[in-house]
PDB file of N, CA and C in Angstrom:
ATOM      1  N   UNK A   1     -80.543  45.227   4.275  1.00  0.00           N
ATOM      2  CA  UNK A   1     -80.506  43.988   4.515  1.00  0.00           C
ATOM      3  C   UNK A   1     -79.562  43.477   3.539  1.00  0.00           C
ATOM      4  N   UNK A   2     -78.743  42.352   3.634  1.00  0.00           N
ATOM      5  CA  UNK A   2     -77.670  41.851   2.776  1.00  0.00           C
ATOM      6  C   UNK A   2     -78.017  40.611   2.501  1.00  0.00           C
ATOM      7  N   UNK A   3     -77.400  39.661   1.711  1.00  0.00           N
ATOM      8  CA  UNK A   3     -78.159  38.925   0.942  1.00  0.00           C
ATOM      9  C   UNK A   3     -76.775  37.636   1.313  1.00  0.00           C
ATOM     10  N   UNK A   4     -77.046  36.506   1.641  1.00  0.00           N
ATOM     11  CA  UNK A   4     -76.248  35.580   1.717  1.00  0.00           C
ATOM     12  C   UNK A   4     -75.924  34.506   0.941  1.00  0.00           C
ATOM     13  N   UNK A   5     -74.592  34.200   0.695  1.00  0.00           N
ATOM     14  CA  UNK A   5     -74.123  33.332  -0.699  1.00  0.00           C
ATOM     15  C   UNK A   5     -73.001  32.263   0.301  1.00  0.00           C
ATOM     16  N   UNK A   6     -73.243  30.886  -0.214  1.00  0.00           N
ATOM     17  CA  UNK A   6     -71.959  30.308   0.182  1.00  0.00           C
ATOM     18  C   UNK A   6     -71.204  29.947  -0.524  1.00  0.00           C
ATOM     19  N   UNK A   7     -69.653  29.657  -0.499  1.00  0.00           N
ATOM     20  CA  UNK A   7     -68.707  29.211  -1.405  1.00  0.00           C
ATOM     21  C   UNK A   7     -68.681  27.933  -1.770  1.00  0.00           C
ATOM     22  N   UNK A   8     -67.670  27.307  -2.232  1.00  0.00           N
ATOM     23  CA  UNK A   8     -68.075  25.704  -2.230  1.00  0.00           C
ATOM     24  C   UNK A   8     -67.710  24.930  -1.244  1.00  0.00           C
ATOM     25  N   UNK A   9     -66.957  25.433  -0.408  1.00  0.00           N
ATOM     26  CA  UNK A   9     -66.490  24.716   0.686  1.00  0.00           C
ATOM     27  C   UNK A   9     -67.238  25.094   1.564  1.00  0.00           C
ATOM     28  N   UNK A  10     -68.280  26.467   1.959  1.00  0.00           N
ATOM     29  CA  UNK A  10     -69.221  26.698   2.952  1.00  0.00           C
ATOM     30  C   UNK A  10     -70.337  25.735   2.799  1.00  0.00           C
ATOM     31  N   UNK A  11     -71.093  25.516   1.448  1.00  0.00           N
ATOM     32  CA  UNK A  11     -72.237  25.294   0.738  1.00  0.00           C
ATOM     33  C   UNK A  11     -72.163  23.458   1.403  1.00  0.00           C
ATOM     34  N   UNK A  12     -70.725  22.852   1.063  1.00  0.00           N
ATOM     35  CA  UNK A  12     -70.649  21.643   1.872  1.00  0.00           C
ATOM     36  C   UNK A  12     -70.382  21.161   2.851  1.00  0.00           C
ATOM     37  N   UNK A  13     -70.439  22.151   3.997  1.00  0.00           N
ATOM     38  CA  UNK A  13     -69.884  22.558   5.234  1.00  0.00           C
ATOM     39  C   UNK A  13     -71.511  22.133   5.726  1.00  0.00           C
ATOM     40  N   UNK A  14     -72.542  23.173   5.350  1.00  0.00           N
ATOM     41  CA  UNK A  14     -73.745  23.177   5.294  1.00  0.00           C
ATOM     42  C   UNK A  14     -74.606  21.663   5.303  1.00  0.00           C
ATOM     43  N   UNK A  15     -74.177  21.288   4.045  1.00  0.00           N
ATOM     44  CA  UNK A  15     -75.341  20.307   3.696  1.00  0.00           C
ATOM     45  C   UNK A  15     -74.695  18.823   4.267  1.00  0.00           C
ATOM     46  N   UNK A  16     -73.659  18.996   5.232  1.00  0.00           N
ATOM     47  CA  UNK A  16     -73.225  18.021   6.133  1.00  0.00           C
ATOM     48  C   UNK A  16     -74.068  18.062   7.531  1.00  0.00           C
ATOM     49  N   UNK A  17     -74.773  19.019   7.810  1.00  0.00           N
ATOM     50  CA  UNK A  17     -75.691  19.274   8.868  1.00  0.00           C
ATOM     51  C   UNK A  17     -77.183  18.236   8.745  1.00  0.00           C
ATOM     52  N   UNK A  18     -77.323  17.978  10.115  1.00  0.00           N
ATOM     53  CA  UNK A  18     -78.710  17.029   9.844  1.00  0.00           C
ATOM     54  C   UNK A  18     -79.805  18.857   9.539  1.00  0.00           C
ATOM     55  N   UNK A  19     -80.922  17.638   8.967  1.00  0.00           N
ATOM     56  CA  UNK A  19     -81.980  18.608   8.612  1.00  0.00           C
ATOM     57  C   UNK A  19     -82.566  19.677   9.386  1.00  0.00           C
ATOM     58  N   UNK A  20     -82.988  19.158  10.651  1.00  0.00           N
ATOM     59  CA  UNK A  20     -83.224  20.334  11.510  1.00  0.00           C
ATOM     60  C   UNK A  20     -81.953  21.257  12.289  1.00  0.00           C
ATOM     61  N   UNK A  21     -80.921  20.730  11.962  1.00  0.00           N
ATOM     62  CA  UNK A  21     -79.989  21.892  12.108  1.00  0.00           C
ATOM     63  C   UNK A  21     -80.317  23.331  11.263  1.00  0.00           C
ATOM     64  N   UNK A  22     -79.856  22.560  10.120  1.00  0.00           N
ATOM     65  CA  UNK A  22     -79.938  23.419   8.642  1.00  0.00           C
ATOM     66  C   UNK A  22     -81.231  24.301   8.723  1.00  0.00           C
ATOM     67  N   UNK A  23     -82.502  23.963   9.088  1.00  0.00           N
ATOM     68  CA  UNK A  23     -83.410  24.952   9.076  1.00  0.00           C
ATOM     69  C   UNK A  23     -83.306  25.639  10.267  1.00  0.00           C
ATOM     70  N   UNK A  24     -82.793  25.391  11.290  1.00  0.00           N
ATOM     71  CA  UNK A  24     -82.711  26.746  12.799  1.00  0.00           C
ATOM     72  C   UNK A  24     -81.495  27.379  12.409  1.00  0.00           C
ATOM     73  N   UNK A  25     -80.589  26.972  11.986  1.00  0.00           N
ATOM     74  CA  UNK A  25     -79.470  28.077  11.668  1.00  0.00           C
ATOM     75  C   UNK A  25     -79.687  28.796  10.105  1.00  0.00           C
ATOM     76  N   UNK A  26     -80.525  28.640   9.187  1.00  0.00           N
ATOM     77  CA  UNK A  26     -81.419  29.231   8.435  1.00  0.00           C
ATOM     78  C   UNK A  26     -81.987  30.283   8.685  1.00  0.00           C
ATOM     79  N   UNK A  27     -82.614  30.262   9.817  1.00  0.00           N
ATOM     80  CA  UNK A  27     -83.700  31.164  10.150  1.00  0.00           C
ATOM     81  C   UNK A  27     -82.800  31.843  11.028  1.00  0.00           C
ATOM     82  N   UNK A  28     -82.217  31.564  11.837  1.00  0.00           N
ATOM     83  CA  UNK A  28     -81.238  32.499  12.393  1.00  0.00           C
ATOM     84  C   UNK A  28     -80.017  33.419  11.621  1.00  0.00           C
ATOM     85  N   UNK A  29     -79.640  32.837  10.397  1.00  0.00           N
ATOM     86  CA  UNK A  29     -78.619  33.834   9.624  1.00  0.00           C
ATOM     87  C   UNK A  29     -79.728  34.853   8.975  1.00  0.00           C
ATOM     88  N   UNK A  30     -80.870  34.442   8.798  1.00  0.00           N
ATOM     89  CA  UNK A  30     -82.190  35.115   8.316  1.00  0.00           C
ATOM     90  C   UNK A  30     -82.316  36.549   9.176  1.00  0.00           C
ATOM     91  N   UNK A  31     -82.346  36.219  10.740  1.00  0.00           N
ATOM     92  CA  UNK A  31     -82.869  36.986  11.409  1.00  0.00           C
ATOM     93  C   UNK A  31     -81.933  37.916  12.056  1.00  0.00           C
ATOM     94  N   UNK A  32     -80.704  37.177  12.396  1.00  0.00           N
ATOM     95  CA  UNK A  32     -79.474  38.358  12.897  1.00  0.00           C
ATOM     96  C   UNK A  32     -78.265  38.503  11.824  1.00  0.00           C
ATOM     97  N   UNK A  33     -77.746  37.185  10.991  1.00  0.00           N
ATOM     98  CA  UNK A  33     -76.508  37.936  10.541  1.00  0.00           C
ATOM     99  C   UNK A  33     -77.127  38.695   9.088  1.00  0.00           C
ATOM    100  N   UNK A  34     -78.327  38.428   8.530  1.00  0.00           N
ATOM    101  CA  UNK A  34     -78.462  38.975   7.464  1.00  0.00           C
ATOM    102  C   UNK A  34     -79.126  40.780   7.755  1.00  0.00           C
ATOM    103  N   UNK A  35     -79.057  41.080   9.186  1.00  0.00           N
ATOM    104  CA  UNK A  35     -79.788  42.595   9.423  1.00  0.00           C
ATOM    105  C   UNK A  35     -78.341  43.138   9.796  1.00  0.00           C
ATOM    106  N   UNK A  36     -77.418  42.319  10.440  1.00  0.00           N
ATOM    107  CA  UNK A  36     -76.710  43.391  11.409  1.00  0.00           C
ATOM    108  C   UNK A  36     -75.397  42.433  11.463  1.00  0.00           C
ATOM    109  N   UNK A  37     -74.372  41.733  10.386  1.00  0.00           N
ATOM    110  CA  UNK A  37     -73.393  41.026  10.274  1.00  0.00           C
ATOM    111  C   UNK A  37     -72.130  41.696  11.350  1.00  0.00           C
ATOM    112  N   UNK A  38     -71.773  42.793  11.386  1.00  0.00           N
ATOM    113  CA  UNK A  38     -71.043  43.448  11.914  1.00  0.00           C
ATOM    114  C   UNK A  38     -71.169  43.412  13.593  1.00  0.00           C
ATOM    115  N   UNK A  39     -72.414  43.313  14.120  1.00  0.00           N
ATOM    116  CA  UNK A  39     -73.018  43.515  15.178  1.00  0.00           C
ATOM    117  C   UNK A  39     -73.011  42.364  15.503  1.00  0.00           C
ATOM    118  N   UNK A  40     -73.162  40.856  15.226  1.00  0.00           N
ATOM    119  CA  UNK A  40     -73.380  39.814  15.992  1.00  0.00           C
ATOM    120  C   UNK A  40     -72.053  38.731  15.457  1.00  0.00           C
ATOM    121  N   UNK A  41     -71.181  39.505  15.087  1.00  0.00           N
ATOM    122  CA  UNK A  41     -69.874  38.498  14.799  1.00  0.00           C
ATOM    123  C   UNK A  41     -68.551  39.397  15.234  1.00  0.00           C
ATOM    124  N   UNK A  42     -67.429  38.416  15.147  1.00  0.00           N
ATOM    125  CA  UNK A  42     -66.032  39.121  15.571  1.00  0.00           C
ATOM    126  C   UNK A  42     -65.248  39.002  14.427  1.00  0.00           C
ATOM    127  N   UNK A  43     -64.438  39.933  14.072  1.00  0.00           N
ATOM    128  CA  UNK A  43     -63.683  40.382  13.070  1.00  0.00           C
ATOM    129  C   UNK A  43     -62.165  39.016  13.601  1.00  0.00           C
ATOM    130  N   UNK A  44     -61.841  38.448  12.218  1.00  0.00           N
ATOM    131  CA  UNK A  44     -60.746  37.787  12.569  1.00  0.00           C
ATOM    132  C   UNK A  44     -59.638  38.176  12.744  1.00  0.00           C
ATOM    133  N   UNK A  45     -58.348  38.076  13.146  1.00  0.00           N
ATOM    134  CA  UNK A  45     -57.198  38.716  13.409  1.00  0.00           C
ATOM    135  C   UNK A  45     -56.023  37.895  12.115  1.00  0.00           C
ATOM    136  N   UNK A  46     -54.996  38.405  12.559  1.00  0.00           N
ATOM    137  CA  UNK A  46     -53.897  38.071  11.437  1.00  0.00           C
ATOM    138  C   UNK A  46     -53.794  37.907  10.281  1.00  0.00           C
ATOM    139  N   UNK A  47     -53.595  36.711   9.631  1.00  0.00           N
ATOM    140  CA  UNK A  47     -53.649  35.869   8.434  1.00  0.00           C
ATOM    141  C   UNK A  47     -55.100  36.204   7.953  1.00  0.00           C
ATOM    142  N   UNK A  48     -55.928  35.974   9.250  1.00  0.00           N
ATOM    143  CA  UNK A  48     -57.182  35.941   8.575  1.00  0.00           C
ATOM    144  C   UNK A  48     -58.054  37.030   8.688  1.00  0.00           C
ATOM    145  N   UNK A  49     -57.597  38.258   8.339  1.00  0.00           N
ATOM    146  CA  UNK A  49     -58.018  39.171   8.818  1.00  0.00           C
ATOM    147  C   UNK A  49     -58.691  39.874   7.781  1.00  0.00           C
ATOM    148  N   UNK A  50     -60.234  40.531   7.909  1.00  0.00           N
ATOM    149  CA  UNK A  50     -61.321  40.198   6.649  1.00  0.00           C
ATOM    150  C   UNK A  50     -61.930  39.600   6.600  1.00  0.00           C
ATOM    151  N   UNK A  51     -62.096  38.516   7.632  1.00  0.00           N
ATOM    152  CA  UNK A  51     -62.906  37.626   7.809  1.00  0.00           C
ATOM    153  C   UNK A  51     -63.650  37.727   8.594  1.00  0.00           C
ATOM    154  N   UNK A  52     -64.693  37.045   9.060  1.00  0.00           N
ATOM    155  CA  UNK A  52     -65.552  37.166  10.143  1.00  0.00           C
ATOM    156  C   UNK A  52     -65.940  35.859  11.003  1.00  0.00           C
ATOM    157  N   UNK A  53     -66.052  35.670  12.267  1.00  0.00           N
ATOM    158  CA  UNK A  53     -66.817  34.675  12.852  1.00  0.00           C
ATOM    159  C   UNK A  53     -68.283  34.963  13.684  1.00  0.00           C
ATOM    160  N   UNK A  54     -68.948  34.198  13.041  1.00  0.00           N
ATOM    161  CA  UNK A  54     -70.578  34.372  13.827  1.00  0.00           C
ATOM    162  C   UNK A  54     -70.850  33.063  14.596  1.00  0.00           C
ATOM    163  N   UNK A  55     -70.506  33.300  16.228  1.00  0.00           N
ATOM    164  CA  UNK A  55     -70.885  31.355  16.801  1.00  0.00           C
ATOM    165  C   UNK A  55     -72.606  31.776  16.883  1.00  0.00           C
ATOM    166  N   UNK A  56     -73.340  30.311  16.484  1.00  0.00           N
ATOM    167  CA  UNK A  56     -74.499  29.970  16.760  1.00  0.00           C
ATOM    168  C   UNK A  56     -74.709  28.787  17.352  1.00  0.00           C
ATOM    169  N   UNK A  57     -75.209  28.692  18.635  1.00  0.00           N
ATOM    170  CA  UNK A  57     -75.457  27.562  19.363  1.00  0.00           C
ATOM    171  C   UNK A  57     -73.556  26.665  18.999  1.00  0.00           C
ATOM    172  N   UNK A  58     -73.736  25.514  19.111  1.00  0.00           N
ATOM    173  CA  UNK A  58     -72.452  24.881  18.824  1.00  0.00           C
ATOM    174  C   UNK A  58     -71.949  25.308  17.522  1.00  0.00           C
ATOM    175  N   UNK A  59     -72.142  26.094  16.751  1.00  0.00           N
ATOM    176  CA  UNK A  59     -71.142  26.075  15.289  1.00  0.00           C
ATOM    177  C   UNK A  59     -70.545  27.395  15.786  1.00  0.00           C
ATOM    178  N   UNK A  60     -69.643  27.507  14.727  1.00  0.00           N
ATOM    179  CA  UNK A  60     -69.089  28.555  14.137  1.00  0.00           C
ATOM    180  C   UNK A  60     -69.612  28.806  12.443  1.00  0.00           C
ATOM    181  N   UNK A  61     -69.520  30.016  12.162  1.00  0.00           N
ATOM    182  CA  UNK A  61     -69.675  30.670  10.854  1.00  0.00           C
ATOM    183  C   UNK A  61     -68.729  31.698  10.447  1.00  0.00           C
ATOM    184  N   UNK A  62     -67.953  31.052   9.362  1.00  0.00           N
ATOM    185  CA  UNK A  62     -66.896  32.195   9.246  1.00  0.00           C
ATOM    186  C   UNK A  62     -67.351  32.677   7.776  1.00  0.00           C
ATOM    187  N   UNK A  63     -67.553  33.697   7.728  1.00  0.00           N
ATOM    188  CA  UNK A  63     -67.652  34.615   6.368  1.00  0.00           C
ATOM    189  C   UNK A  63     -66.954  36.004   5.860  1.00  0.00           C
ATOM    190  N   UNK A  64     -67.071  36.346   4.743  1.00  0.00           N
ATOM    191  CA  UNK A  64     -66.956  37.413   4.543  1.00  0.00           C
ATOM    192  C   UNK A  64     -67.676  38.408   4.301  1.00  0.00           C
ATOM    193  N   UNK A  65     -67.777  39.642   4.464  1.00  0.00           N
ATOM    194  CA  UNK A  65     -68.471  40.800   4.123  1.00  0.00           C
ATOM    195  C   UNK A  65     -68.135  41.605   2.995  1.00  0.00           C
ATOM    196  N   UNK A  66     -69.059  41.699   2.365  1.00  0.00           N
ATOM    197  CA  UNK A  66     -69.057  42.416   0.898  1.00  0.00           C
ATOM    198  C   UNK A  66     -69.734  43.780   0.964  1.00  0.00           C
ATOM    199  N   UNK A  67     -69.343  44.663   1.469  1.00  0.00           N
ATOM    200  CA  UNK A  67     -70.006  46.070   1.847  1.00  0.00           C
ATOM    201  C   UNK A  67     -70.431  46.222   0.378  1.00  0.00           C
ATOM    202  N   UNK A  68     -69.622  46.385  -0.549  1.00  0.00           N
ATOM    203  CA  UNK A  68     -70.499  46.968  -2.279  1.00  0.00           C
ATOM    204  C   UNK A  68     -71.369  46.226  -2.614  1.00  0.00           C
ATOM    205  N   UNK A  69     -71.711  45.051  -2.151  1.00  0.00           N
ATOM    206  CA  UNK A  69     -72.597  44.099  -2.940  1.00  0.00           C
ATOM    207  C   UNK A  69     -73.815  43.676  -1.862  1.00  0.00           C
ATOM    208  N   UNK A  70     -73.486  44.262  -0.198  1.00  0.00           N
ATOM    209  CA  UNK A  70     -74.457  43.997   0.222  1.00  0.00           C
ATOM    210  C   UNK A  70     -74.543  42.685   0.366  1.00  0.00           C
ATOM    211  N   UNK A  71     -73.553  42.176   0.616  1.00  0.00           N
ATOM    212  CA  UNK A  71     -73.419  40.537   0.328  1.00  0.00           C
ATOM    213  C   UNK A  71     -72.641  39.875   1.604  1.00  0.00           C
ATOM    214  N   UNK A  72     -73.039  38.761   2.155  1.00  0.00           N
ATOM    215  CA  UNK A  72     -72.450  38.103   3.235  1.00  0.00           C
ATOM    216  C   UNK A  72     -71.895  36.650   1.854  1.00  0.00           C
ATOM    217  N   UNK A  73     -70.589  36.350   2.040  1.00  0.00           N
ATOM    218  CA  UNK A  73     -70.419  35.350   1.734  1.00  0.00           C
ATOM    219  C   UNK A  73     -69.373  34.209   2.611  1.00  0.00           C
ATOM    220  N   UNK A  74     -70.270  33.118   3.139  1.00  0.00           N
ATOM    221  CA  UNK A  74     -69.889  31.813   3.754  1.00  0.00           C
ATOM    222  C   UNK A  74     -69.070  30.885   3.412  1.00  0.00           C
ATOM    223  N   UNK A  75     -67.928  31.005   4.239  1.00  0.00           N
ATOM    224  CA  UNK A  75     -66.579  30.214   3.633  1.00  0.00           C
ATOM    225  C   UNK A  75     -66.819  28.952   4.462  1.00  0.00           C
ATOM    226  N   UNK A  76     -67.323  28.818   5.642  1.00  0.00           N
ATOM    227  CA  UNK A  76     -66.978  27.779   6.677  1.00  0.00           C
ATOM    228  C   UNK A  76     -67.899  27.670   7.747  1.00  0.00           C
ATOM    229  N   UNK A  77     -68.754  26.469   8.139  1.00  0.00           N
ATOM    230  CA  UNK A  77     -69.240  25.842   9.016  1.00  0.00           C
ATOM    231  C   UNK A  77     -68.729  24.833   9.602  1.00  0.00           C
ATOM    232  N   UNK A  78     -68.739  25.117  10.914  1.00  0.00           N
ATOM    233  CA  UNK A  78     -68.296  23.815  11.791  1.00  0.00           C
ATOM    234  C   UNK A  78     -68.536  23.734  13.057  1.00  0.00           C
ATOM    235  N   UNK A  79     -68.424  22.739  14.040  1.00  0.00           N
ATOM    236  CA  UNK A  79     -68.800  23.336  15.591  1.00  0.00           C
ATOM    237  C   UNK A  79     -67.820  23.952  16.127  1.00  0.00           C
ATOM    238  N   UNK A  80     -68.121  24.255  17.342  1.00  0.00           N
ATOM    239  CA  UNK A  80     -67.338  25.284  18.046  1.00  0.00           C
ATOM    240  C   UNK A  80     -66.430  24.492  18.835  1.00  0.00           C
ATOM    241  N   UNK A  81     -66.501  22.949  18.985  1.00  0.00           N
ATOM    242  CA  UNK A  81     -65.415  22.446  20.038  1.00  0.00           C
ATOM    243  C   UNK A  81     -64.031  23.019  19.564  1.00  0.00           C
ATOM    244  N   UNK A  82     -63.177  22.842  20.651  1.00  0.00           N
ATOM    245  CA  UNK A  82     -61.609  22.910  20.550  1.00  0.00           C
ATOM    246  C   UNK A  82     -61.052  22.426  19.127  1.00  0.00           C
ATOM    247  N   UNK A  83     -61.196  21.041  18.994  1.00  0.00           N
ATOM    248  CA  UNK A  83     -60.493  20.655  17.552  1.00  0.00           C
ATOM    249  C   UNK A  83     -61.180  21.165  16.446  1.00  0.00           C
ATOM    250  N   UNK A  84     -62.433  21.329  16.398  1.00  0.00           N
ATOM    251  CA  UNK A  84     -62.949  22.061  15.682  1.00  0.00           C
ATOM    252  C   UNK A  84     -62.631  23.313  14.861  1.00  0.00           C
ATOM    253  N   UNK A  85     -62.725  23.709  16.191  1.00  0.00           N
ATOM    254  CA  UNK A  85     -61.954  25.609  16.435  1.00  0.00           C
ATOM    255  C   UNK A  85     -60.332  25.533  15.021  1.00  0.00           C
ATOM    256  N   UNK A  86     -59.782  24.373  15.279  1.00  0.00           N
ATOM    257  CA  UNK A  86     -58.469  24.472  15.205  1.00  0.00           C
ATOM    258  C   UNK A  86     -58.332  23.815  13.427  1.00  0.00           C
ATOM    259  N   UNK A  87     -59.191  22.655  13.208  1.00  0.00           N
ATOM    260  CA  UNK A  87     -59.536  22.445  11.786  1.00  0.00           C
ATOM    261  C   UNK A  87     -60.400  23.789  10.818  1.00  0.00           C
ATOM    262  N   UNK A  88     -61.403  24.060  11.494  1.00  0.00           N
ATOM    263  CA  UNK A  88     -62.021  25.312  10.542  1.00  0.00           C
ATOM    264  C   UNK A  88     -61.093  26.430  10.620  1.00  0.00           C
ATOM    265  N   UNK A  89     -59.927  26.794  11.184  1.00  0.00           N
ATOM    266  CA  UNK A  89     -59.011  27.815  10.746  1.00  0.00           C
ATOM    267  C   UNK A  89     -57.975  27.464  10.311  1.00  0.00           C
ATOM    268  N   UNK A  90     -57.663  26.202  10.287  1.00  0.00           N
ATOM    269  CA  UNK A  90     -56.461  26.131   9.757  1.00  0.00           C
ATOM    270  C   UNK A  90     -57.015  25.269   8.140  1.00  0.00           C
ATOM    271  N   UNK A  91     -58.151  24.840   8.111  1.00  0.00           N
ATOM    272  CA  UNK A  91     -58.941  24.984   6.494  1.00  0.00           C
ATOM    273  C   UNK A  91     -58.831  26.184   5.943  1.00  0.00           C
ATOM    274  N   UNK A  92     -59.132  27.568   6.618  1.00  0.00           N
ATOM    275  CA  UNK A  92     -59.344  28.490   5.709  1.00  0.00           C
ATOM    276  C   UNK A  92     -57.662  29.295   5.747  1.00  0.00           C
ATOM    277  N   UNK A  93     -56.720  28.983   6.713  1.00  0.00           N
ATOM    278  CA  UNK A  93     -55.604  29.311   6.553  1.00  0.00           C
ATOM    279  C   UNK A  93     -54.930  28.714   5.318  1.00  0.00           C
ATOM    280  N   UNK A  94     -55.600  27.581   5.135  1.00  0.00           N
ATOM    281  CA  UNK A  94     -55.062  26.635   3.303  1.00  0.00           C
ATOM    282  C   UNK A  94     -55.263  27.837   2.160  1.00  0.00           C
ATOM    283  N   UNK A  95     -56.307  28.094   2.480  1.00  0.00           N
ATOM    284  CA  UNK A  95     -57.196  28.815   1.387  1.00  0.00           C
ATOM    285  C   UNK A  95     -56.267  30.146   1.123  1.00  0.00           C
ATOM    286  N   UNK A  96     -56.186  31.168   2.265  1.00  0.00           N
ATOM    287  CA  UNK A  96     -55.572  32.217   2.055  1.00  0.00           C
ATOM    288  C   UNK A  96     -53.930  32.284   1.813  1.00  0.00           C
ATOM    289  N   UNK A  97     -53.094  30.796   2.192  1.00  0.00           N
ATOM    290  CA  UNK A  97     -52.233  30.517   1.922  1.00  0.00           C
ATOM    291  C   UNK A  97     -51.880  30.185   0.164  1.00  0.00           C
ATOM    292  N   UNK A  98     -52.627  29.426  -0.115  1.00  0.00           N
ATOM    293  CA  UNK A  98     -52.850  29.188  -1.622  1.00  0.00           C
ATOM    294  C   UNK A  98     -53.172  30.040  -2.430  1.00  0.00           C
ATOM    295  N   UNK A  99     -53.967  31.510  -1.963  1.00  0.00           N
ATOM    296  CA  UNK A  99     -53.914  32.508  -2.352  1.00  0.00           C
ATOM    297  C   UNK A  99     -55.220  32.301  -3.369  1.00  0.00           C
ATOM    298  N   UNK A 100     -56.040  31.713  -2.696  1.00  0.00           N
ATOM    299  CA  UNK A 100     -57.655  31.459  -3.418  1.00  0.00           C
ATOM    300  C   UNK A 100     -58.594  32.205  -2.913  1.00  0.00           C
ATOM    301  N   UNK A 101     -58.339  33.443  -1.950  1.00  0.00           N
ATOM    302  CA  UNK A 101     -59.613  33.899  -1.146  1.00  0.00           C
ATOM    303  C   UNK A 101     -60.067  34.904  -1.970  1.00  0.00           C
ATOM    304  N   UNK A 102     -59.334  35.776  -3.296  1.00  0.00           N
ATOM    305  CA  UNK A 102     -60.226  36.415  -3.937  1.00  0.00           C
ATOM    306  C   UNK A 102     -60.708  35.538  -5.468  1.00  0.00           C
ATOM    307  N   UNK A 103     -60.004  34.171  -5.628  1.00  0.00           N
ATOM    308  CA  UNK A 103     -60.990  33.596  -6.380  1.00  0.00           C
ATOM    309  C   UNK A 103     -62.022  33.178  -5.956  1.00  0.00           C
ATOM    310  N   UNK A 104     -62.305  32.440  -4.740  1.00  0.00           N
ATOM    311  CA  UNK A 104     -63.463  31.819  -4.488  1.00  0.00           C
ATOM    312  C   UNK A 104     -64.380  32.981  -4.123  1.00  0.00           C
ATOM    313  N   UNK A 105     -64.293  34.486  -3.776  1.00  0.00           N
ATOM    314  CA  UNK A 105     -65.253  35.599  -3.653  1.00  0.00           C
ATOM    315  C   UNK A 105     -65.630  35.857  -4.867  1.00  0.00           C
ATOM    316  N   UNK A 106     -64.434  35.760  -5.926  1.00  0.00           N
ATOM    317  CA  UNK A 106     -65.058  35.963  -7.810  1.00  0.00           C
ATOM    318  C   UNK A 106     -66.223  35.167  -7.919  1.00  0.00           C
ATOM    319  N   UNK A 107     -66.028  33.738  -7.609  1.00  0.00           N
ATOM    320  CA  UNK A 107     -66.748  33.299  -7.906  1.00  0.00           C
ATOM    321  C   UNK A 107     -68.235  32.994  -7.572  1.00  0.00           C
ATOM    322  N   UNK A 108     -68.267  33.083  -6.505  1.00  0.00           N
ATOM    323  CA  UNK A 108     -69.269  33.211  -5.341  1.00  0.00           C
ATOM    324  C   UNK A 108     -70.385  34.804  -5.911  1.00  0.00           C
ATOM    325  N   UNK A 109     -69.554  35.953  -5.943  1.00  0.00           N
ATOM    326  CA  UNK A 109     -69.959  37.031  -6.705  1.00  0.00           C
ATOM    327  C   UNK A 109     -70.708  36.719  -8.246  1.00  0.00           C
ATOM    328  N   UNK A 110     -70.022  35.902  -9.234  1.00  0.00           N
ATOM    329  CA  UNK A 110     -70.532  35.859 -10.107  1.00  0.00           C
ATOM    330  C   UNK A 110     -71.399  34.881 -10.442  1.00  0.00           C
ATOM    331  N   UNK A 111     -71.835  34.107  -9.376  1.00  0.00           N
ATOM    332  CA  UNK A 111     -73.041  33.468  -9.469  1.00  0.00           C
ATOM    333  C   UNK A 111     -73.893  34.308  -9.033  1.00  0.00           C
ATOM    334  N   UNK A 112     -74.174  35.072  -8.008  1.00  0.00           N
ATOM    335  CA  UNK A 112     -74.787  36.127  -7.510  1.00  0.00           C
ATOM    336  C   UNK A 112     -75.370  36.943  -8.336  1.00  0.00           C
ATOM    337  N   UNK A 113     -74.399  37.494  -9.115  1.00  0.00           N
ATOM    338  CA  UNK A 113     -74.823  38.623 -10.368  1.00  0.00           C
ATOM    339  C   UNK A 113     -75.541  37.505 -11.385  1.00  0.00           C
ATOM    340  N   UNK A 114     -75.454  36.389 -11.578  1.00  0.00           N
ATOM    341  CA  UNK A 114     -75.786  35.610 -12.265  1.00  0.00           C
ATOM    342  C   UNK A 114     -77.506  35.384 -12.202  1.00  0.00           C
ATOM    343  N   UNK A 115     -77.581  34.813 -10.990  1.00  0.00           N
ATOM    344  CA  UNK A 115     -78.892  34.416 -10.451  1.00  0.00           C
ATOM    345  C   UNK A 115     -79.669  35.878 -10.151  1.00  0.00           C
ATOM    346  N   UNK A 116     -79.382  37.175  -9.778  1.00  0.00           N
ATOM    347  CA  UNK A 116     -79.950  38.249  -9.664  1.00  0.00           C
ATOM    348  C   UNK A 116     -80.441  38.588 -10.808  1.00  0.00           C
ATOM    349  N   UNK A 117     -79.770  38.616 -11.834  1.00  0.00           N
ATOM    350  CA  UNK A 117     -80.117  39.317 -13.115  1.00  0.00           C
ATOM    351  C   UNK A 117     -81.044  38.571 -14.071  1.00  0.00           C
ATOM    352  N   UNK A 118     -81.406  37.078 -13.594  1.00  0.00           N
ATOM    353  CA  UNK A 118     -82.225  36.340 -13.681  1.00  0.00           C
ATOM    354  C   UNK A 118     -83.694  36.734 -13.888  1.00  0.00           C
TER     355      UNK A 118
END
């Protein structure tokens, strides 16, 4: 089973969701994504290669699978509407273009390691 952690942006996305949606999403992530992240998601292509997209109800969850750590790092959560699709991928593309993907994963992993040692 995989652990799930959020980047700062991913956590902000989840905080914006209504409480009932957050709770249902949390249950679904535990039941499906934590168990088989590759089997229930699609790998993104082109400049977003290495990230995966998981569709849940009307939402899209974009994450990075860090196999060596048994970790899922959620980068973004947004609605699956056409306009939202463009927004979420544009936002992720800016992170990639700025060269901050490794930095965000490192920050998330550091937080994961510090919490797991406590």
